[in-house]
Protein backbone atom coordinates (compact mmCIF):
# COMPACT_ATOMS: atom_id res chain seq x y z
CA UNK A 1 0.00 0.00 0.00
CA UNK A 2 1.52 3.29 -1.09
CA UNK A 3 1.69 6.11 1.49
CA UNK A 4 -0.90 8.78 0.78
CA UNK A 5 -0.92 12.48 1.52
CA UNK A 6 -3.88 14.85 1.68
CA UNK A 7 -4.45 16.23 -1.80
CA UNK A 8 -5.46 19.60 -0.39
CA UNK A 9 -2.90 21.13 1.91
CA UNK A 10 -3.51 23.12 5.07
CA UNK A 11 -3.79 26.34 3.08
CA UNK A 12 -6.58 24.80 0.99
CA UNK A 13 -4.50 24.12 -2.13
CA UNK A 14 -2.75 21.16 -3.68
CA UNK A 15 -0.63 20.98 -6.80
CA UNK A 16 -1.39 19.03 -9.96
CA UNK A 17 0.41 17.97 -13.10
CA UNK A 18 -1.70 17.09 -16.17
CA UNK A 19 -0.14 15.30 -19.14
CA UNK A 20 -2.17 15.12 -22.37
CA UNK A 21 -1.88 12.61 -25.22
CA UNK A 22 -3.84 12.21 -28.42
CA UNK A 23 -5.92 14.51 -30.56
CA UNK A 24 -7.08 18.13 -30.21
CA UNK A 25 -10.33 16.91 -28.67
CA UNK A 26 -8.30 15.51 -25.79
CA UNK A 27 -6.52 18.85 -25.43
CA UNK A 28 -9.88 20.57 -25.01
CA UNK A 29 -10.83 18.04 -22.34
CA UNK A 30 -7.56 18.74 -20.52
CA UNK A 31 -8.16 22.50 -20.59
CA UNK A 32 -11.54 21.89 -18.97
CA UNK A 33 -10.04 19.55 -16.38
CA UNK A 34 -7.49 22.22 -15.46
CA UNK A 35 -10.32 24.63 -14.84
CA UNK A 36 -12.10 22.03 -12.73
CA UNK A 37 -8.99 21.32 -10.66
CA UNK A 38 -8.44 25.04 -10.12
CA UNK A 39 -12.02 25.41 -8.93
CA UNK A 40 -11.40 22.54 -6.49
CA UNK A 41 -8.44 24.37 -4.95
CA UNK A 42 -5.53 22.95 -6.94
CA UNK A 43 -2.72 24.95 -8.52
CA UNK A 44 -0.49 23.80 -11.40
CA UNK A 45 2.87 22.30 -10.42
CA UNK A 46 6.14 23.27 -12.08
CA UNK A 47 7.16 19.64 -12.64
CA UNK A 48 5.58 16.20 -12.15
CA UNK A 49 7.83 15.71 -9.14
CA UNK A 50 6.31 18.75 -7.42
CA UNK A 51 2.70 17.60 -7.81
CA UNK A 52 0.37 16.08 -5.24
CA UNK A 53 -1.90 14.85 -8.04
CA UNK A 54 -0.51 13.57 -11.36
CA UNK A 55 -3.14 13.12 -14.11
CA UNK A 56 -2.57 11.43 -17.48
CA UNK A 57 -5.24 12.15 -20.11
CA UNK A 58 -4.81 9.19 -22.45
CA UNK A 59 -5.55 8.25 -26.06
CA UNK A 60 -6.85 4.85 -27.20
CA UNK A 61 -7.50 5.37 -30.91
CA UNK A 62 -4.99 2.78 -32.20
CA UNK A 63 -2.49 0.39 -30.67
CA UNK A 64 0.44 2.81 -31.02
CA UNK A 65 -1.52 5.47 -29.12
CA UNK A 66 -2.39 3.03 -26.34
CA UNK A 67 1.23 2.01 -25.98
CA UNK A 68 2.34 5.65 -25.85
CA UNK A 69 -0.24 6.31 -23.14
CA UNK A 70 0.92 3.39 -21.00
CA UNK A 71 4.55 4.44 -21.36
CA UNK A 72 3.63 7.96 -20.25
CA UNK A 73 1.83 6.57 -17.18
CA UNK A 74 4.87 4.52 -16.17
CA UNK A 75 7.27 7.43 -16.74
CA UNK A 76 5.17 9.81 -14.66
CA UNK A 77 4.75 7.21 -11.94
CA UNK A 78 8.53 7.03 -11.65
CA UNK A 79 8.84 10.83 -11.66
CA UNK A 80 6.24 11.62 -8.97
CA UNK A 81 7.16 12.26 -5.37
CA UNK A 82 6.35 9.75 -2.60
CA UNK A 83 2.69 9.92 -1.63
CA UNK A 84 1.54 11.74 -4.76
CA UNK A 85 -1.53 10.23 -6.37
CA UNK A 86 -1.50 9.07 -9.99
CA UNK A 87 -4.77 9.17 -11.95
CA UNK A 88 -5.38 7.87 -15.46
CA UNK A 89 -8.29 9.42 -17.37
CA UNK A 90 -9.33 9.88 -20.99
CA UNK A 91 -10.09 7.35 -23.70
CA UNK A 92 -7.88 4.56 -22.38
CA UNK A 93 -9.47 4.85 -18.94
CA UNK A 94 -12.98 4.87 -20.39
CA UNK A 95 -12.39 1.95 -22.72
CA UNK A 96 -10.17 -0.32 -20.59
CA UNK A 97 -10.85 0.71 -16.99
CA UNK A 98 -10.82 -2.78 -15.45
CA UNK A 99 -7.80 -3.95 -17.44
CA UNK A 100 -5.82 -0.84 -16.52
CA UNK A 101 -6.60 -1.13 -12.83
CA UNK A 102 -5.37 -4.72 -12.86
CA UNK A 103 -2.34 -4.27 -15.13
CA UNK A 104 -0.99 -1.02 -13.61
CA UNK A 105 -0.77 -1.24 -9.82
CA UNK A 106 1.17 2.04 -9.94
CA UNK A 107 -2.10 3.85 -10.67
CA UNK A 108 -4.17 5.12 -7.73
CA UNK A 109 -7.32 5.83 -9.70
CA UNK A 110 -8.73 5.11 -13.15
CA UNK A 111 -11.28 7.82 -13.97
CA UNK A 112 -13.49 7.52 -17.04
CA UNK A 113 -15.25 10.44 -18.66
CA UNK A 114 -16.98 12.62 -16.10
CA UNK A 115 -15.54 10.81 -13.09
CA UNK A 116 -13.73 12.79 -10.35
CA UNK A 117 -9.95 12.95 -10.59
CA UNK A 118 -9.30 13.46 -6.90
CA UNK A 119 -11.20 12.19 -3.84
CA UNK A 120 -14.50 10.77 -5.14
CA UNK A 121 -16.09 11.38 -1.73
CA UNK A 122 -15.34 15.10 -1.81
CA UNK A 123 -18.34 17.43 -1.89
CA UNK A 124 -19.17 18.65 -5.40
CA UNK A 125 -18.08 22.19 -6.18
CA UNK A 126 -20.02 24.04 -8.89
CA UNK A 127 -17.76 25.52 -11.54
CA UNK A 128 -19.13 27.89 -14.16
CA UNK A 129 -16.55 30.51 -15.30
CA UNK A 130 -19.51 32.84 -15.76
CA UNK A 131 -21.85 30.17 -17.14
CA UNK A 132 -24.13 27.53 -15.71
CA UNK A 133 -22.48 24.84 -13.55
CA UNK A 134 -21.64 21.52 -15.18
CA UNK A 135 -21.23 19.45 -12.02
CA UNK A 136 -23.50 16.53 -11.23
CA UNK A 137 -24.02 14.58 -8.02
CA UNK A 138 -21.24 12.68 -6.24
CA UNK A 139 -18.56 14.86 -7.75
CA UNK A 140 -19.17 13.76 -11.34
CA UNK A 141 -19.47 16.13 -14.28
CA UNK A 142 -20.41 16.34 -17.94
CA UNK A 143 -17.08 16.78 -19.67
CA UNK A 144 -18.60 18.06 -22.90
CA UNK A 145 -20.61 20.75 -21.12
CA UNK A 146 -17.97 21.59 -18.53
CA UNK A 147 -17.13 25.30 -18.87
CA UNK A 148 -13.64 26.21 -19.92
CA UNK A 149 -11.46 29.05 -18.69
CA UNK A 150 -9.57 31.33 -21.04
CA UNK A 151 -6.15 29.94 -21.88
CA UNK A 152 -4.38 33.20 -22.73
CA UNK A 153 -3.00 31.61 -25.91
CA UNK A 154 -3.26 33.23 -29.39
CA UNK A 155 -5.30 30.27 -30.63
CA UNK A 156 -7.53 27.62 -29.10
CA UNK A 157 -9.43 24.44 -29.96
CA UNK A 158 -13.17 24.45 -29.28
CA UNK A 159 -14.91 21.06 -29.16
CA UNK A 160 -18.48 21.42 -30.39
CA UNK A 161 -19.68 17.81 -30.14
CA UNK A 162 -18.81 14.48 -28.58
CA UNK A 163 -19.11 11.00 -30.07
CA UNK A 164 -20.05 9.90 -33.58
CA UNK A 165 -23.03 8.35 -35.37
CA UNK A 166 -21.02 6.82 -38.21
CA UNK A 167 -20.05 3.13 -38.34
CA UNK A 168 -16.63 3.22 -40.02
CA UNK A 169 -15.26 -0.30 -40.09
CA UNK A 170 -11.94 0.53 -38.44
CA UNK A 171 -13.06 2.93 -35.71
CA UNK A 172 -13.96 2.02 -32.13
CA UNK A 173 -14.57 5.60 -30.98
CA UNK A 174 -18.40 5.35 -30.97
CA UNK A 175 -18.12 2.33 -28.66
CA UNK A 176 -16.61 4.39 -25.85
CA UNK A 177 -17.37 8.01 -26.80
CA UNK A 178 -20.98 7.19 -27.68
CA UNK A 179 -23.33 8.60 -30.28
CA UNK A 180 -22.94 12.18 -31.43
CA UNK A 181 -24.00 14.72 -28.84
CA UNK A 182 -23.72 18.34 -29.95
CA UNK A 183 -23.40 21.32 -27.66
CA UNK A 184 -25.89 24.11 -27.99
CA UNK A 185 -25.16 26.95 -30.36
CA UNK A 186 -25.22 29.50 -27.56
CA UNK A 187 -22.87 27.52 -25.30
CA UNK A 188 -20.28 27.20 -28.07
CA UNK A 189 -20.42 30.91 -28.80
CA UNK A 190 -20.17 31.71 -25.09
CA UNK A 191 -16.97 29.67 -24.87
CA UNK A 192 -15.54 31.34 -27.95
CA UNK A 193 -16.32 34.75 -26.44
CA UNK A 194 -14.46 33.83 -23.23
CA UNK A 195 -11.46 32.63 -25.22
CA UNK A 196 -11.48 35.76 -27.39
CA UNK A 197 -11.57 37.97 -24.31
CA UNK A 198 -8.58 36.01 -23.02
CA UNK A 199 -6.53 36.74 -26.14
CA UNK A 200 -7.43 34.01 -28.64
CA UNK A 201 -7.25 35.34 -32.19
CA UNK A 202 -7.89 31.98 -33.87
CA UNK A 203 -10.46 29.33 -32.93
CA UNK A 204 -10.23 25.80 -34.29
CA UNK A 205 -13.58 24.00 -34.22
CA UNK A 206 -13.20 20.25 -33.65
CA UNK A 207 -15.47 17.22 -33.37
CA UNK A 208 -15.31 13.63 -34.46
CA UNK A 209 -17.71 14.45 -37.32
CA UNK A 210 -17.71 18.22 -37.44
CA UNK A 211 -19.92 18.63 -40.52
CA UNK A 212 -22.72 16.82 -38.66
CA UNK A 213 -22.67 19.28 -35.77
CA UNK A 214 -26.17 20.05 -34.48
CA UNK A 215 -28.06 17.44 -36.50
CA UNK A 216 -28.71 15.40 -33.36
CA UNK A 217 -30.33 18.44 -31.76
CA UNK A 218 -32.82 19.05 -34.57
CA UNK A 219 -34.26 22.56 -34.47
CA UNK A 220 -32.44 23.13 -31.19
CA UNK A 221 -29.16 22.97 -33.09
CA UNK A 222 -29.93 26.17 -34.98
CA UNK A 223 -30.32 29.71 -33.81
CA UNK A 224 -31.83 31.04 -37.04
CA UNK A 225 -33.14 29.59 -40.27
CA UNK A 226 -29.86 30.45 -41.97
CA UNK A 227 -28.45 27.14 -43.14
CA UNK A 228 -27.26 23.90 -41.59
CA UNK A 229 -26.01 24.12 -37.99
CA UNK A 230 -22.31 23.84 -38.85
CA UNK A 231 -22.64 26.55 -41.50
CA UNK A 232 -24.45 28.87 -39.12
CA UNK A 233 -21.94 28.15 -36.34
CA UNK A 234 -18.95 28.75 -38.61
CA UNK A 235 -20.28 32.14 -39.65
CA UNK A 236 -21.17 33.13 -36.09
CA UNK A 237 -17.75 32.16 -34.69
CA UNK A 238 -16.06 34.12 -37.49
CA UNK A 239 -17.77 37.24 -36.18
CA UNK A 240 -16.04 36.81 -32.80
CA UNK A 241 -12.45 35.97 -33.78
CA UNK A 242 -10.13 36.88 -36.63
CA UNK A 243 -9.62 33.29 -37.75
CA UNK A 244 -12.02 30.35 -37.70
CA UNK A 245 -10.65 26.95 -38.74
CA UNK A 246 -12.51 23.63 -39.10
CA UNK A 247 -10.94 20.21 -38.49
CA UNK A 248 -12.22 16.71 -39.29
CA UNK A 249 -14.78 17.09 -42.08
CA UNK A 250 -16.35 13.91 -43.43
CA UNK A 251 -16.14 14.30 -47.24
CA UNK A 252 -19.85 13.83 -47.95
CA UNK A 253 -20.57 16.61 -45.46
CA UNK A 254 -18.57 19.18 -47.44
CA UNK A 255 -21.57 20.75 -49.17
CA UNK A 256 -21.47 23.83 -51.38
CA UNK A 257 -23.01 25.74 -48.49
CA UNK A 258 -20.24 24.68 -46.13
CA UNK A 259 -17.54 25.49 -48.70
CA UNK A 260 -19.04 28.97 -49.01
CA UNK A 261 -18.98 29.38 -45.22
CA UNK A 262 -15.36 28.26 -44.93
CA UNK A 263 -14.20 30.56 -47.71
CA UNK A 264 -16.11 33.47 -46.21
CA UNK A 265 -14.05 33.20 -43.00
CA UNK A 266 -10.84 34.06 -44.86
CA UNK A 267 -9.28 30.75 -43.78
CA UNK A 268 -9.55 28.55 -46.90
CA UNK A 269 -8.37 25.42 -45.07
CA UNK A 270 -10.11 22.08 -45.69
CA UNK A 271 -9.31 19.12 -43.47
CA UNK A 272 -11.03 16.18 -45.16
CA UNK A 273 -11.13 12.75 -43.56
CA UNK A 274 -10.70 10.62 -46.72
CA UNK A 275 -8.93 7.47 -45.37
CA UNK A 276 -8.47 5.96 -48.86
CA UNK A 277 -9.52 6.44 -52.51
CA UNK A 278 -10.31 2.90 -53.75
CA UNK A 279 -14.08 2.50 -54.05
CA UNK A 280 -14.10 -1.23 -53.11
CA UNK A 281 -11.82 -0.62 -50.14
CA UNK A 282 -13.86 2.36 -48.93
CA UNK A 283 -16.96 0.18 -49.16
CA UNK A 284 -15.17 -2.32 -46.93
CA UNK A 285 -14.36 0.53 -44.56
CA UNK A 286 -18.05 1.52 -44.56
CA UNK A 287 -17.08 4.90 -45.91
CA UNK A 288 -18.43 7.18 -48.64
CA UNK A 289 -16.68 8.32 -51.79
CA UNK A 290 -13.83 7.45 -54.13
CA UNK A 291 -10.76 9.10 -55.59
CA UNK A 292 -12.60 10.57 -58.56
CA UNK A 293 -15.21 12.29 -56.39
CA UNK A 294 -12.50 13.61 -54.08
CA UNK A 295 -10.43 15.01 -56.94
CA UNK A 296 -13.40 16.75 -58.51
CA UNK A 297 -14.31 18.39 -55.20
CA UNK A 298 -10.76 19.57 -54.59
CA UNK A 299 -10.53 20.95 -58.14
CA UNK A 300 -13.85 22.79 -57.77
CA UNK A 301 -12.66 24.48 -54.58
CA UNK A 302 -9.29 25.40 -56.06
CA UNK A 303 -10.99 27.00 -59.04
CA UNK A 304 -12.92 29.20 -56.63
CA UNK A 305 -9.95 29.84 -54.33
CA UNK A 306 -6.51 28.99 -55.78
CA UNK A 307 -4.92 29.52 -52.36
CA UNK A 308 -7.10 26.86 -50.71
CA UNK A 309 -5.19 24.47 -48.47
CA UNK A 310 -6.04 20.77 -48.13
CA UNK A 311 -5.17 18.22 -45.46
CA UNK A 312 -6.25 14.60 -45.14
CA UNK A 313 -5.39 11.28 -43.48
CA UNK A 314 -5.17 7.77 -44.89
CA UNK A 315 -5.08 4.22 -43.57
CA UNK A 316 -2.65 1.74 -45.11
CA UNK A 317 -3.13 -2.01 -44.85
CA UNK A 318 -6.88 -2.16 -44.23
CA UNK A 319 -8.08 -5.76 -44.73
CA UNK A 320 -8.46 -6.53 -48.40
CA UNK A 321 -6.23 -3.70 -49.63
CA UNK A 322 -4.65 -4.85 -52.89
CA UNK A 323 -1.68 -3.57 -54.85
CA UNK A 324 -4.17 -2.00 -57.27
CA UNK A 325 -5.83 -0.17 -54.36
CA UNK A 326 -2.44 1.06 -53.21
CA UNK A 327 -1.48 2.22 -56.70
CA UNK A 328 -4.74 4.18 -56.88
CA UNK A 329 -3.83 5.95 -53.66
CA UNK A 330 -0.34 6.81 -54.92
CA UNK A 331 -1.80 8.17 -58.15
CA UNK A 332 -4.34 10.21 -56.21
CA UNK A 333 -1.67 11.75 -53.98
CA UNK A 334 0.38 12.74 -57.03
CA UNK A 335 -2.61 14.32 -58.78
CA UNK A 336 -4.38 15.91 -55.80
CA UNK A 337 -1.23 17.61 -54.49
CA UNK A 338 -2.58 17.93 -50.99
CA UNK A 339 -0.69 20.39 -48.84
CA UNK A 340 -0.65 18.09 -45.83
CA UNK A 341 -1.41 14.42 -45.23
CA UNK A 342 -0.97 11.89 -42.45
CA UNK A 343 -0.65 8.13 -42.92
CA UNK A 344 -1.42 5.41 -40.41
CA UNK A 345 -1.10 1.62 -40.50
CA UNK A 346 -4.34 -0.26 -39.95
CA UNK A 347 -4.86 -1.18 -36.29
CA UNK A 348 -7.38 -3.97 -35.53
CA UNK A 349 -9.68 -2.61 -32.83
CA UNK A 350 -11.87 -4.79 -30.62
CA UNK A 351 -15.54 -4.52 -31.46
CA UNK A 352 -15.07 -3.05 -34.93
CA UNK A 353 -16.24 -4.51 -38.24
CA UNK A 354 -12.69 -4.84 -39.59
CA UNK A 355 -11.48 -7.24 -36.90
CA UNK A 356 -13.43 -10.13 -38.40
CA UNK A 357 -12.62 -9.46 -42.04
CA UNK A 358 -10.63 -11.86 -44.19
CA UNK A 359 -7.59 -10.83 -46.24
CA UNK A 360 -5.71 -9.18 -43.39
CA UNK A 361 -2.68 -7.35 -44.81
CA UNK A 362 0.70 -8.35 -43.31
CA UNK A 363 2.08 -5.64 -41.05
CA UNK A 364 5.36 -5.37 -42.95
CA UNK A 365 3.52 -4.85 -46.23
CA UNK A 366 1.27 -2.18 -44.69
CA UNK A 367 4.33 -0.36 -43.35
CA UNK A 368 6.04 -0.52 -46.73
CA UNK A 369 2.98 0.99 -48.38
CA UNK A 370 2.89 3.68 -45.70
CA UNK A 371 6.54 4.50 -46.39
CA UNK A 372 5.87 4.87 -50.12
CA UNK A 373 2.93 7.21 -49.51
CA UNK A 374 4.88 9.26 -46.98
CA UNK A 375 7.83 9.73 -49.34
CA UNK A 376 5.56 10.81 -52.17
CA UNK A 377 3.57 13.20 -50.00
CA UNK A 378 6.69 14.70 -48.40
CA UNK A 379 7.92 15.62 -51.88
CA UNK A 380 4.54 17.14 -52.79
CA UNK A 381 4.44 19.15 -49.57
CA UNK A 382 8.01 20.37 -50.09
CA UNK A 383 7.18 21.54 -53.65
CA UNK A 384 4.08 23.39 -52.49
CA UNK A 385 6.04 25.05 -49.71
CA UNK A 386 8.87 26.01 -52.10
CA UNK A 387 6.29 27.71 -54.30
CA UNK A 388 5.46 30.09 -51.44
CA UNK A 389 8.94 31.65 -51.35
CA UNK A 390 8.66 35.31 -52.23
CA UNK A 391 4.98 35.52 -51.35
CA UNK A 392 3.48 37.88 -48.81
CA UNK A 393 1.49 36.38 -45.95
CA UNK A 394 -0.31 37.54 -42.86
CA UNK A 395 0.83 35.40 -39.94
CA UNK A 396 -0.34 35.00 -36.37
CA UNK A 397 2.60 34.80 -33.96
CA UNK A 398 1.97 31.82 -31.66
CA UNK A 399 5.12 32.23 -29.58
CA UNK A 400 8.59 33.69 -29.89
CA UNK A 401 9.94 32.88 -33.35
CA UNK A 402 6.97 30.74 -34.42
CA UNK A 403 3.96 31.88 -36.44
CA UNK A 404 1.32 30.48 -38.79
CA UNK A 405 -0.59 31.72 -41.81
CA UNK A 406 -4.04 30.50 -42.79
CA UNK A 407 -2.33 27.57 -44.51
CA UNK A 408 -1.04 25.92 -41.31
CA UNK A 409 -3.21 24.42 -38.61
CA UNK A 410 -1.69 24.53 -35.12
CA UNK A 411 0.34 21.56 -33.88
CA UNK A 412 -0.15 19.33 -36.94
CA UNK A 413 1.24 21.27 -39.91
CA UNK A 414 4.48 23.12 -40.57
CA UNK A 415 5.10 26.59 -39.16
CA UNK A 416 6.39 29.95 -40.31
CA UNK A 417 9.65 30.88 -38.57
CA UNK A 418 9.81 34.60 -37.84
CA UNK A 419 12.11 36.94 -35.87
CA UNK A 420 11.92 36.12 -32.15
CA UNK A 421 11.21 39.71 -31.16
CA UNK A 422 7.75 39.73 -32.78
CA UNK A 423 5.16 39.71 -29.97
CA UNK A 424 3.00 36.62 -29.49
CA UNK A 425 -0.67 37.09 -30.27
CA UNK A 426 -0.17 39.67 -32.99
CA UNK A 427 -0.80 39.56 -36.72
CA UNK A 428 2.16 40.54 -38.89
CA UNK A 429 2.54 40.99 -42.64
CA UNK A 430 5.60 39.03 -43.75
CA UNK A 431 7.43 37.93 -46.87
CA UNK A 432 8.51 34.31 -47.19
CA UNK A 433 12.26 34.11 -47.77
CA UNK A 434 12.89 30.38 -47.58
CA UNK A 435 11.27 26.95 -47.35
CA UNK A 436 12.74 24.28 -45.07
CA UNK A 437 10.75 21.15 -45.86
CA UNK A 438 7.33 21.71 -44.22
CA UNK A 439 8.38 24.98 -42.58
CA UNK A 440 8.75 28.47 -44.00
CA UNK A 441 11.09 31.29 -43.00
CA UNK A 442 9.74 34.83 -43.25
CA UNK A 443 10.55 38.40 -42.28
CA UNK A 444 8.24 41.39 -41.74
CA UNK A 445 7.47 43.38 -44.85
CA UNK A 446 10.23 45.95 -45.33
CA UNK A 447 12.78 44.14 -43.14
CA UNK A 448 16.17 43.06 -44.56
CA UNK A 449 16.18 39.58 -46.01
CA UNK A 450 18.74 37.37 -44.19
CA UNK A 451 21.10 35.00 -45.91
CA UNK A 452 19.54 31.66 -46.83
CA UNK A 453 20.03 28.71 -44.50
CA UNK A 454 22.69 26.35 -45.91
CA UNK A 455 21.13 23.20 -47.32
């Protein structure tokens, strides 16, 4: 039995360390958990070793993510001070609570979604940050509706819905995140307003199936009769912040109306969840579309806005994937010239349709196909970035020396390297002087152009 210490000290405060893994949706959850811990009397620790409460917000999307989460738990367990409590939360905790509790005796508590991180017997404390409380009885809470404090950062993710109603053959997320549950229009805008008041100049809307936002709420998902809920929300958010960006759009949900809304924000960035381009393979994935449809849509948008930026993700080695399927994907990548793309090997997930399929692709072959796609896409991305040298851009400075234009989403794309003295949170007109793979180098308009970085 490990020695325990009171989580709240005599002065009414304890210290916490929160480590986040996984996608932007998890980062939003962590921001909300920080606000909750602060409301409960905790203050952030400088290091894991200084904390009374160490929390790991985990990811469980694929096997590699689960392994990374477990390694982080073990590393933080070794780094904590004697008596500090270690709590595992997030997707891994929700999906594998019993297995984690048995396999990791280092962990003091496994807390699924909405379960208290600290003492479960503590009296609930309402937390609102100027809005209605999101606490429930026995210390539990609704993580989706939990209010979120301002972060003080130049940009911020805003999660507008939880769960997913789709039945993609490879994805287990609906099994532990549940069916889609959208937040109200007014609550999303209230959160955006708080973030904007705290200094956010860019808001990135995220959800598992963002284009379907509000459909589960029916008429309650709309404030006016002015289009589908996601279109109305996109336009309303764009009135509150300088930049509005959308992540994770299912391709069939990218209607003409939504394209219009995205372009009207001034951020012509389209993150399309394609996963593959072979029609037979996409049918096996229980997905919509094919390479021809995708190419036509991309071309239509580029004709309207030549500066439009495209990102997508693809799975290699899904059961039944043939060499012909793979060649179709390579040809698509060469023709589509996406700005950004991520590639992932198929991961068999318990409870999904794909686990029981025949024609499983050998892991080594899937990884070889992934390598080929990555090499091709890296060359495409480098060419598209090279073409930006000499162009003028407006960038948002995220932190000293690092900025982004409308063409780079935070944390997942390349960046624009700028002089370190430019203040964070400001917009600056720059000229691109150099491309370094996915990254650009730029100087303010009118500033001397430095010598090029040796290759």
